[in-house]
Amino acid sequence: MDVLMTLEKSANATAAIARGVRPAQFDNPTPRAEWKVEQLMNHLIGNLEYFRARAAGKTPVSRDRRRRPAMTRRSSPCKVLLWQLRRP
């Protein structure tokens, strides 16, 4: 299986779980004790945004300058990243 297909499958599985997360759950703990649900979601989305920017040849936005909360974004960072990586 190629890397892009693996990324897409992983992102789709993660998105299916993320769609079920409600704002009332943002402060819930995760298996990683120091992170709450919202922090984990922001981490996942932030990583996709970082790689999307790199794939487009742009400088990624620093963590301090990202909009919050990432959970409210409507575009799919993974779909854009995959499109950019698949371009010739």
PDB file of N, CA and C in Angstrom:
ATOM      1  N   MET A   1       0.856  -1.175   0.000  1.00  0.00           N
ATOM      2  CA  MET A   1       0.000   0.000   0.000  1.00  0.00           C
ATOM      3  C   MET A   1       0.897   1.232   0.000  1.00  0.00           C
ATOM      4  N   ASP A   2       0.560   2.203  -0.815  1.00  0.00           N
ATOM      5  CA  ASP A   2       1.414   3.386  -0.864  1.00  0.00           C
ATOM      6  C   ASP A   2       1.126   4.333   0.293  1.00  0.00           C
ATOM      7  N   VAL A   3       2.072   5.228   0.535  1.00  0.00           N
ATOM      8  CA  VAL A   3       2.000   6.128   1.685  1.00  0.00           C
ATOM      9  C   VAL A   3       0.766   7.028   1.638  1.00  0.00           C
ATOM     10  N   LEU A   4       0.436   7.557   0.471  1.00  0.00           N
ATOM     11  CA  LEU A   4      -0.717   8.453   0.375  1.00  0.00           C
ATOM     12  C   LEU A   4      -2.023   7.720   0.640  1.00  0.00           C
ATOM     13  N   MET A   5      -2.108   6.491   0.180  1.00  0.00           N
ATOM     14  CA  MET A   5      -3.316   5.703   0.433  1.00  0.00           C
ATOM     15  C   MET A   5      -3.444   5.413   1.937  1.00  0.00           C
ATOM     16  N   THR A   6      -2.317   5.118   2.574  1.00  0.00           N
ATOM     17  CA  THR A   6      -2.320   4.869   4.016  1.00  0.00           C
ATOM     18  C   THR A   6      -2.736   6.125   4.769  1.00  0.00           C
ATOM     19  N   LEU A   7      -2.205   7.278   4.383  1.00  0.00           N
ATOM     20  CA  LEU A   7      -2.580   8.544   5.010  1.00  0.00           C
ATOM     21  C   LEU A   7      -4.071   8.804   4.844  1.00  0.00           C
ATOM     22  N   GLU A   8      -4.576   8.586   3.643  1.00  0.00           N
ATOM     23  CA  GLU A   8      -5.990   8.833   3.391  1.00  0.00           C
ATOM     24  C   GLU A   8      -6.880   7.917   4.227  1.00  0.00           C
ATOM     25  N   LYS A   9      -6.538   6.640   4.290  1.00  0.00           N
ATOM     26  CA  LYS A   9      -7.340   5.702   5.087  1.00  0.00           C
ATOM     27  C   LYS A   9      -7.304   6.072   6.567  1.00  0.00           C
ATOM     28  N   SER A  10      -6.125   6.434   7.053  1.00  0.00           N
ATOM     29  CA  SER A  10      -5.992   6.821   8.462  1.00  0.00           C
ATOM     30  C   SER A  10      -6.791   8.085   8.758  1.00  0.00           C
ATOM     31  N   ALA A  11      -6.694   9.066   7.863  1.00  0.00           N
ATOM     32  CA  ALA A  11      -7.419  10.328   8.059  1.00  0.00           C
ATOM     33  C   ALA A  11      -8.926  10.103   8.002  1.00  0.00           C
ATOM     34  N   ASN A  12      -9.380   9.248   7.105  1.00  0.00           N
ATOM     35  CA  ASN A  12     -10.818   8.968   7.019  1.00  0.00           C
ATOM     36  C   ASN A  12     -11.330   8.281   8.280  1.00  0.00           C
ATOM     37  N   ALA A  13     -10.550   7.354   8.813  1.00  0.00           N
ATOM     38  CA  ALA A  13     -10.958   6.669  10.040  1.00  0.00           C
ATOM     39  C   ALA A  13     -10.980   7.638  11.221  1.00  0.00           C
ATOM     40  N   THR A  14      -9.977   8.504  11.285  1.00  0.00           N
ATOM     41  CA  THR A  14      -9.921   9.500  12.357  1.00  0.00           C
ATOM     42  C   THR A  14     -11.067  10.495  12.226  1.00  0.00           C
ATOM     43  N   ALA A  15     -11.355  10.929  10.994  1.00  0.00           N
ATOM     44  CA  ALA A  15     -12.447  11.887  10.770  1.00  0.00           C
ATOM     45  C   ALA A  15     -13.789  11.302  11.183  1.00  0.00           C
ATOM     46  N   ALA A  16     -13.981  10.013  10.945  1.00  0.00           N
ATOM     47  CA  ALA A  16     -15.239   9.377  11.333  1.00  0.00           C
ATOM     48  C   ALA A  16     -15.431   9.455  12.847  1.00  0.00           C
ATOM     49  N   ILE A  17     -14.362   9.290  13.594  1.00  0.00           N
ATOM     50  CA  ILE A  17     -14.436   9.404  15.055  1.00  0.00           C
ATOM     51  C   ILE A  17     -14.623  10.868  15.450  1.00  0.00           C
ATOM     52  N   ALA A  18     -13.851  11.758  14.823  1.00  0.00           N
ATOM     53  CA  ALA A  18     -13.885  13.184  15.178  1.00  0.00           C
ATOM     54  C   ALA A  18     -15.264  13.797  14.942  1.00  0.00           C
ATOM     55  N   ARG A  19     -15.951  13.343  13.898  1.00  0.00           N
ATOM     56  CA  ARG A  19     -17.285  13.882  13.625  1.00  0.00           C
ATOM     57  C   ARG A  19     -18.262  13.622  14.765  1.00  0.00           C
ATOM     58  N   GLY A  20     -17.997  12.601  15.559  1.00  0.00           N
ATOM     59  CA  GLY A  20     -18.870  12.280  16.673  1.00  0.00           C
ATOM     60  C   GLY A  20     -18.560  13.049  17.956  1.00  0.00           C
ATOM     61  N   VAL A  21     -17.451  13.790  17.947  1.00  0.00           N
ATOM     62  CA  VAL A  21     -17.072  14.546  19.144  1.00  0.00           C
ATOM     63  C   VAL A  21     -17.896  15.823  19.215  1.00  0.00           C
ATOM     64  N   ARG A  22     -18.484  16.072  20.362  1.00  0.00           N
ATOM     65  CA  ARG A  22     -19.320  17.254  20.588  1.00  0.00           C
ATOM     66  C   ARG A  22     -18.584  18.243  21.481  1.00  0.00           C
ATOM     67  N   PRO A  23     -18.865  19.544  21.339  1.00  0.00           N
ATOM     68  CA  PRO A  23     -18.181  20.547  22.171  1.00  0.00           C
ATOM     69  C   PRO A  23     -18.226  20.248  23.672  1.00  0.00           C
ATOM     70  N   ALA A  24     -19.284  19.629  24.127  1.00  0.00           N
ATOM     71  CA  ALA A  24     -19.384  19.293  25.553  1.00  0.00           C
ATOM     72  C   ALA A  24     -18.312  18.280  25.971  1.00  0.00           C
ATOM     73  N   GLN A  25     -17.694  17.608  25.001  1.00  0.00           N
ATOM     74  CA  GLN A  25     -16.667  16.609  25.300  1.00  0.00           C
ATOM     75  C   GLN A  25     -15.244  17.167  25.222  1.00  0.00           C
ATOM     76  N   PHE A  26     -15.085  18.406  24.810  1.00  0.00           N
ATOM     77  CA  PHE A  26     -13.748  18.972  24.598  1.00  0.00           C
ATOM     78  C   PHE A  26     -12.858  18.906  25.838  1.00  0.00           C
ATOM     79  N   ASP A  27     -13.429  19.038  27.019  1.00  0.00           N
ATOM     80  CA  ASP A  27     -12.631  19.022  28.241  1.00  0.00           C
ATOM     81  C   ASP A  27     -12.432  17.624  28.825  1.00  0.00           C
ATOM     82  N   ASN A  28     -12.939  16.602  28.154  1.00  0.00           N
ATOM     83  CA  ASN A  28     -12.764  15.230  28.630  1.00  0.00           C
ATOM     84  C   ASN A  28     -11.308  14.802  28.484  1.00  0.00           C
ATOM     85  N   PRO A  29     -10.858  13.879  29.354  1.00  0.00           N
ATOM     86  CA  PRO A  29      -9.488  13.378  29.243  1.00  0.00           C
ATOM     87  C   PRO A  29      -9.343  12.412  28.062  1.00  0.00           C
ATOM     88  N   THR A  30      -8.110  12.209  27.645  1.00  0.00           N
ATOM     89  CA  THR A  30      -7.779  11.214  26.615  1.00  0.00           C
ATOM     90  C   THR A  30      -6.879  10.166  27.279  1.00  0.00           C
ATOM     91  N   PRO A  31      -6.554   9.081  26.586  1.00  0.00           N
ATOM     92  CA  PRO A  31      -5.623   8.112  27.179  1.00  0.00           C
ATOM     93  C   PRO A  31      -4.268   8.733  27.541  1.00  0.00           C
ATOM     94  N   ARG A  32      -3.903   9.810  26.851  1.00  0.00           N
ATOM     95  CA  ARG A  32      -2.674  10.536  27.203  1.00  0.00           C
ATOM     96  C   ARG A  32      -3.082  11.574  28.254  1.00  0.00           C
ATOM     97  N   ALA A  33      -2.793  11.301  29.488  1.00  0.00           N
ATOM     98  CA  ALA A  33      -3.343  12.045  30.632  1.00  0.00           C
ATOM     99  C   ALA A  33      -3.167  13.559  30.548  1.00  0.00           C
ATOM    100  N   GLU A  34      -2.088  14.026  29.949  1.00  0.00           N
ATOM    101  CA  GLU A  34      -1.861  15.472  29.926  1.00  0.00           C
ATOM    102  C   GLU A  34      -2.649  16.204  28.843  1.00  0.00           C
ATOM    103  N   TRP A  35      -3.361  15.477  27.993  1.00  0.00           N
ATOM    104  CA  TRP A  35      -4.143  16.104  26.922  1.00  0.00           C
ATOM    105  C   TRP A  35      -5.632  15.884  27.137  1.00  0.00           C
ATOM    106  N   LYS A  36      -6.383  16.911  26.810  1.00  0.00           N
ATOM    107  CA  LYS A  36      -7.844  16.803  26.779  1.00  0.00           C
ATOM    108  C   LYS A  36      -8.257  16.567  25.317  1.00  0.00           C
ATOM    109  N   VAL A  37      -9.517  16.249  25.091  1.00  0.00           N
ATOM    110  CA  VAL A  37     -10.003  15.930  23.750  1.00  0.00           C
ATOM    111  C   VAL A  37      -9.734  17.074  22.773  1.00  0.00           C
ATOM    112  N   GLU A  38     -10.036  18.311  23.158  1.00  0.00           N
ATOM    113  CA  GLU A  38      -9.826  19.434  22.243  1.00  0.00           C
ATOM    114  C   GLU A  38      -8.354  19.597  21.887  1.00  0.00           C
ATOM    115  N   GLN A  39      -7.456  19.391  22.821  1.00  0.00           N
ATOM    116  CA  GLN A  39      -6.030  19.500  22.538  1.00  0.00           C
ATOM    117  C   GLN A  39      -5.589  18.425  21.535  1.00  0.00           C
ATOM    118  N   LEU A  40      -6.114  17.222  21.704  1.00  0.00           N
ATOM    119  CA  LEU A  40      -5.785  16.146  20.775  1.00  0.00           C
ATOM    120  C   LEU A  40      -6.295  16.460  19.371  1.00  0.00           C
ATOM    121  N   MET A  41      -7.526  16.962  19.280  1.00  0.00           N
ATOM    122  CA  MET A  41      -8.091  17.309  17.977  1.00  0.00           C
ATOM    123  C   MET A  41      -7.277  18.420  17.311  1.00  0.00           C
ATOM    124  N   ASN A  42      -6.908  19.440  18.085  1.00  0.00           N
ATOM    125  CA  ASN A  42      -6.091  20.521  17.542  1.00  0.00           C
ATOM    126  C   ASN A  42      -4.725  20.008  17.079  1.00  0.00           C
ATOM    127  N   HIS A  43      -4.165  19.063  17.810  1.00  0.00           N
ATOM    128  CA  HIS A  43      -2.881  18.468  17.432  1.00  0.00           C
ATOM    129  C   HIS A  43      -2.989  17.741  16.093  1.00  0.00           C
ATOM    130  N   LEU A  44      -4.016  16.923  15.949  1.00  0.00           N
ATOM    131  CA  LEU A  44      -4.198  16.171  14.708  1.00  0.00           C
ATOM    132  C   LEU A  44      -4.405  17.105  13.516  1.00  0.00           C
ATOM    133  N   ILE A  45      -5.280  18.073  13.676  1.00  0.00           N
ATOM    134  CA  ILE A  45      -5.567  19.015  12.592  1.00  0.00           C
ATOM    135  C   ILE A  45      -4.347  19.880  12.314  1.00  0.00           C
ATOM    136  N   GLY A  46      -3.667  20.307  13.352  1.00  0.00           N
ATOM    137  CA  GLY A  46      -2.472  21.137  13.180  1.00  0.00           C
ATOM    138  C   GLY A  46      -1.381  20.434  12.395  1.00  0.00           C
ATOM    139  N   ASN A  47      -1.200  19.139  12.652  1.00  0.00           N
ATOM    140  CA  ASN A  47      -0.196  18.388  11.891  1.00  0.00           C
ATOM    141  C   ASN A  47      -0.559  18.313  10.413  1.00  0.00           C
ATOM    142  N   LEU A  48      -1.829  18.087  10.125  1.00  0.00           N
ATOM    143  CA  LEU A  48      -2.246  18.055   8.721  1.00  0.00           C
ATOM    144  C   LEU A  48      -2.032  19.413   8.060  1.00  0.00           C
ATOM    145  N   GLU A  49      -2.325  20.485   8.783  1.00  0.00           N
ATOM    146  CA  GLU A  49      -2.119  21.829   8.228  1.00  0.00           C
ATOM    147  C   GLU A  49      -0.637  22.105   7.991  1.00  0.00           C
ATOM    148  N   TYR A  50       0.210  21.626   8.892  1.00  0.00           N
ATOM    149  CA  TYR A  50       1.650  21.796   8.729  1.00  0.00           C
ATOM    150  C   TYR A  50       2.115  21.116   7.438  1.00  0.00           C
ATOM    151  N   PHE A  51       1.741  19.862   7.250  1.00  0.00           N
ATOM    152  CA  PHE A  51       2.164  19.131   6.059  1.00  0.00           C
ATOM    153  C   PHE A  51       1.529  19.681   4.788  1.00  0.00           C
ATOM    154  N   ARG A  52       0.307  20.198   4.902  1.00  0.00           N
ATOM    155  CA  ARG A  52      -0.341  20.826   3.745  1.00  0.00           C
ATOM    156  C   ARG A  52       0.460  22.041   3.303  1.00  0.00           C
ATOM    157  N   ALA A  53       0.870  22.871   4.241  1.00  0.00           N
ATOM    158  CA  ALA A  53       1.667  24.056   3.908  1.00  0.00           C
ATOM    159  C   ALA A  53       3.000  23.646   3.293  1.00  0.00           C
ATOM    160  N   ARG A  54       3.657  22.650   3.876  1.00  0.00           N
ATOM    161  CA  ARG A  54       4.953  22.188   3.344  1.00  0.00           C
ATOM    162  C   ARG A  54       4.798  21.636   1.933  1.00  0.00           C
ATOM    163  N   ALA A  55       3.727  20.888   1.695  1.00  0.00           N
ATOM    164  CA  ALA A  55       3.506  20.312   0.356  1.00  0.00           C
ATOM    165  C   ALA A  55       3.259  21.399  -0.678  1.00  0.00           C
ATOM    166  N   ALA A  56       2.713  22.537  -0.245  1.00  0.00           N
ATOM    167  CA  ALA A  56       2.454  23.657  -1.150  1.00  0.00           C
ATOM    168  C   ALA A  56       3.667  24.579  -1.277  1.00  0.00           C
ATOM    169  N   GLY A  57       4.751  24.228  -0.580  1.00  0.00           N
ATOM    170  CA  GLY A  57       5.951  25.050  -0.635  1.00  0.00           C
ATOM    171  C   GLY A  57       5.848  26.318   0.197  1.00  0.00           C
ATOM    172  N   LYS A  58       4.950  26.328   1.173  1.00  0.00           N
ATOM    173  CA  LYS A  58       4.749  27.503   2.025  1.00  0.00           C
ATOM    174  C   LYS A  58       5.330  27.257   3.410  1.00  0.00           C
ATOM    175  N   THR A  59       5.526  28.337   4.128  1.00  0.00           N
ATOM    176  CA  THR A  59       5.970  28.234   5.511  1.00  0.00           C
ATOM    177  C   THR A  59       4.753  27.958   6.383  1.00  0.00           C
ATOM    178  N   PRO A  60       4.793  26.887   7.170  1.00  0.00           N
ATOM    179  CA  PRO A  60       3.653  26.582   8.035  1.00  0.00           C
ATOM    180  C   PRO A  60       3.410  27.700   9.047  1.00  0.00           C
ATOM    181  N   VAL A  61       2.151  27.891   9.397  1.00  0.00           N
ATOM    182  CA  VAL A  61       1.781  28.872  10.414  1.00  0.00           C
ATOM    183  C   VAL A  61       2.207  28.319  11.765  1.00  0.00           C
ATOM    184  N   SER A  62       2.834  29.152  12.584  1.00  0.00           N
ATOM    185  CA  SER A  62       3.274  28.686  13.899  1.00  0.00           C
ATOM    186  C   SER A  62       2.064  28.351  14.765  1.00  0.00           C
ATOM    187  N   ARG A  63       2.268  27.513  15.741  1.00  0.00           N
ATOM    188  CA  ARG A  63       1.182  27.105  16.633  1.00  0.00           C
ATOM    189  C   ARG A  63       0.540  28.304  17.304  1.00  0.00           C
ATOM    190  N   ASP A  64       1.357  29.298  17.649  1.00  0.00           N
ATOM    191  CA  ASP A  64       0.828  30.465  18.350  1.00  0.00           C
ATOM    192  C   ASP A  64      -0.097  31.299  17.483  1.00  0.00           C
ATOM    193  N   ARG A  65       0.019  31.197  16.154  1.00  0.00           N
ATOM    194  CA  ARG A  65      -0.765  32.042  15.263  1.00  0.00           C
ATOM    195  C   ARG A  65      -1.957  31.325  14.649  1.00  0.00           C
ATOM    196  N   ARG A  66      -2.123  30.022  14.949  1.00  0.00           N
ATOM    197  CA  ARG A  66      -3.262  29.282  14.408  1.00  0.00           C
ATOM    198  C   ARG A  66      -4.558  29.761  15.029  1.00  0.00           C
ATOM    199  N   ARG A  67      -5.615  29.688  14.222  1.00  0.00           N
ATOM    200  CA  ARG A  67      -6.949  30.012  14.744  1.00  0.00           C
ATOM    201  C   ARG A  67      -7.386  28.924  15.715  1.00  0.00           C
ATOM    202  N   ARG A  68      -8.194  29.286  16.676  1.00  0.00           N
ATOM    203  CA  ARG A  68      -8.710  28.320  17.639  1.00  0.00           C
ATOM    204  C   ARG A  68     -10.217  28.462  17.721  1.00  0.00           C
ATOM    205  N   PRO A  69     -10.939  27.443  18.021  1.00  0.00           N
ATOM    206  CA  PRO A  69     -10.470  26.065  18.046  1.00  0.00           C
ATOM    207  C   PRO A  69     -10.443  25.466  16.647  1.00  0.00           C
ATOM    208  N   ALA A  70      -9.505  24.587  16.422  1.00  0.00           N
ATOM    209  CA  ALA A  70      -9.359  23.957  15.104  1.00  0.00           C
ATOM    210  C   ALA A  70     -10.591  23.141  14.738  1.00  0.00           C
ATOM    211  N   MET A  71     -11.301  22.650  15.731  1.00  0.00           N
ATOM    212  CA  MET A  71     -12.463  21.800  15.482  1.00  0.00           C
ATOM    213  C   MET A  71     -13.553  22.494  14.680  1.00  0.00           C
ATOM    214  N   THR A  72     -13.548  23.817  14.626  1.00  0.00           N
ATOM    215  CA  THR A  72     -14.626  24.522  13.945  1.00  0.00           C
ATOM    216  C   THR A  72     -14.339  24.729  12.462  1.00  0.00           C
ATOM    217  N   ARG A  73     -13.187  24.334  11.994  1.00  0.00           N
ATOM    218  CA  ARG A  73     -12.842  24.559  10.589  1.00  0.00           C
ATOM    219  C   ARG A  73     -13.682  23.678   9.688  1.00  0.00           C
ATOM    220  N   ARG A  74     -14.032  24.215   8.540  1.00  0.00           N
ATOM    221  CA  ARG A  74     -14.904  23.467   7.630  1.00  0.00           C
ATOM    222  C   ARG A  74     -14.133  22.742   6.536  1.00  0.00           C
ATOM    223  N   SER A  75     -12.979  23.256   6.136  1.00  0.00           N
ATOM    224  CA  SER A  75     -12.229  22.595   5.072  1.00  0.00           C
ATOM    225  C   SER A  75     -11.518  21.368   5.638  1.00  0.00           C
ATOM    226  N   SER A  76     -11.236  20.428   4.779  1.00  0.00           N
ATOM    227  CA  SER A  76     -10.542  19.221   5.207  1.00  0.00           C
ATOM    228  C   SER A  76      -9.060  19.364   4.905  1.00  0.00           C
ATOM    229  N   PRO A  77      -8.226  19.573   5.924  1.00  0.00           N
ATOM    230  CA  PRO A  77      -6.801  19.699   5.672  1.00  0.00           C
ATOM    231  C   PRO A  77      -6.230  18.464   4.993  1.00  0.00           C
ATOM    232  N   CYS A  78      -6.760  17.296   5.318  1.00  0.00           N
ATOM    233  CA  CYS A  78      -6.234  16.073   4.711  1.00  0.00           C
ATOM    234  C   CYS A  78      -6.543  16.009   3.227  1.00  0.00           C
ATOM    235  N   LYS A  79      -7.757  16.360   2.829  1.00  0.00           N
ATOM    236  CA  LYS A  79      -8.102  16.316   1.407  1.00  0.00           C
ATOM    237  C   LYS A  79      -7.229  17.270   0.610  1.00  0.00           C
ATOM    238  N   VAL A  80      -6.992  18.449   1.150  1.00  0.00           N
ATOM    239  CA  VAL A  80      -6.141  19.422   0.457  1.00  0.00           C
ATOM    240  C   VAL A  80      -4.714  18.901   0.402  1.00  0.00           C
ATOM    241  N   LEU A  81      -4.206  18.357   1.509  1.00  0.00           N
ATOM    242  CA  LEU A  81      -2.857  17.805   1.537  1.00  0.00           C
ATOM    243  C   LEU A  81      -2.705  16.693   0.508  1.00  0.00           C
ATOM    244  N   LEU A  82      -3.642  15.756   0.485  1.00  0.00           N
ATOM    245  CA  LEU A  82      -3.557  14.660  -0.478  1.00  0.00           C
ATOM    246  C   LEU A  82      -3.584  15.165  -1.912  1.00  0.00           C
ATOM    247  N   TRP A  83      -4.422  16.150  -2.191  1.00  0.00           N
ATOM    248  CA  TRP A  83      -4.473  16.735  -3.530  1.00  0.00           C
ATOM    249  C   TRP A  83      -3.123  17.340  -3.897  1.00  0.00           C
ATOM    250  N   GLN A  84      -2.520  18.066  -2.949  1.00  0.00           N
ATOM    251  CA  GLN A  84      -1.237  18.690  -3.221  1.00  0.00           C
ATOM    252  C   GLN A  84      -0.129  17.658  -3.436  1.00  0.00           C
ATOM    253  N   LEU A  85      -0.139  16.607  -2.646  1.00  0.00           N
ATOM    254  CA  LEU A  85       0.902  15.579  -2.770  1.00  0.00           C
ATOM    255  C   LEU A  85       0.737  14.739  -4.038  1.00  0.00           C
ATOM    256  N   ARG A  86      -0.470  14.635  -4.534  1.00  0.00           N
ATOM    257  CA  ARG A  86      -0.702  13.820  -5.739  1.00  0.00           C
ATOM    258  C   ARG A  86      -0.487  14.593  -7.032  1.00  0.00           C
ATOM    259  N   ARG A  87      -0.333  15.895  -6.943  1.00  0.00           N
ATOM    260  CA  ARG A  87      -0.089  16.680  -8.154  1.00  0.00           C
ATOM    261  C   ARG A  87       1.240  16.289  -8.776  1.00  0.00           C
ATOM    262  N   PRO A  88       1.330  16.353 -10.087  1.00  0.00           N
ATOM    263  CA  PRO A  88       2.626  16.015 -10.728  1.00  0.00           C
ATOM    264  C   PRO A  88       3.699  17.033 -10.406  1.00  0.00           C
TER     265      PRO A  88
END
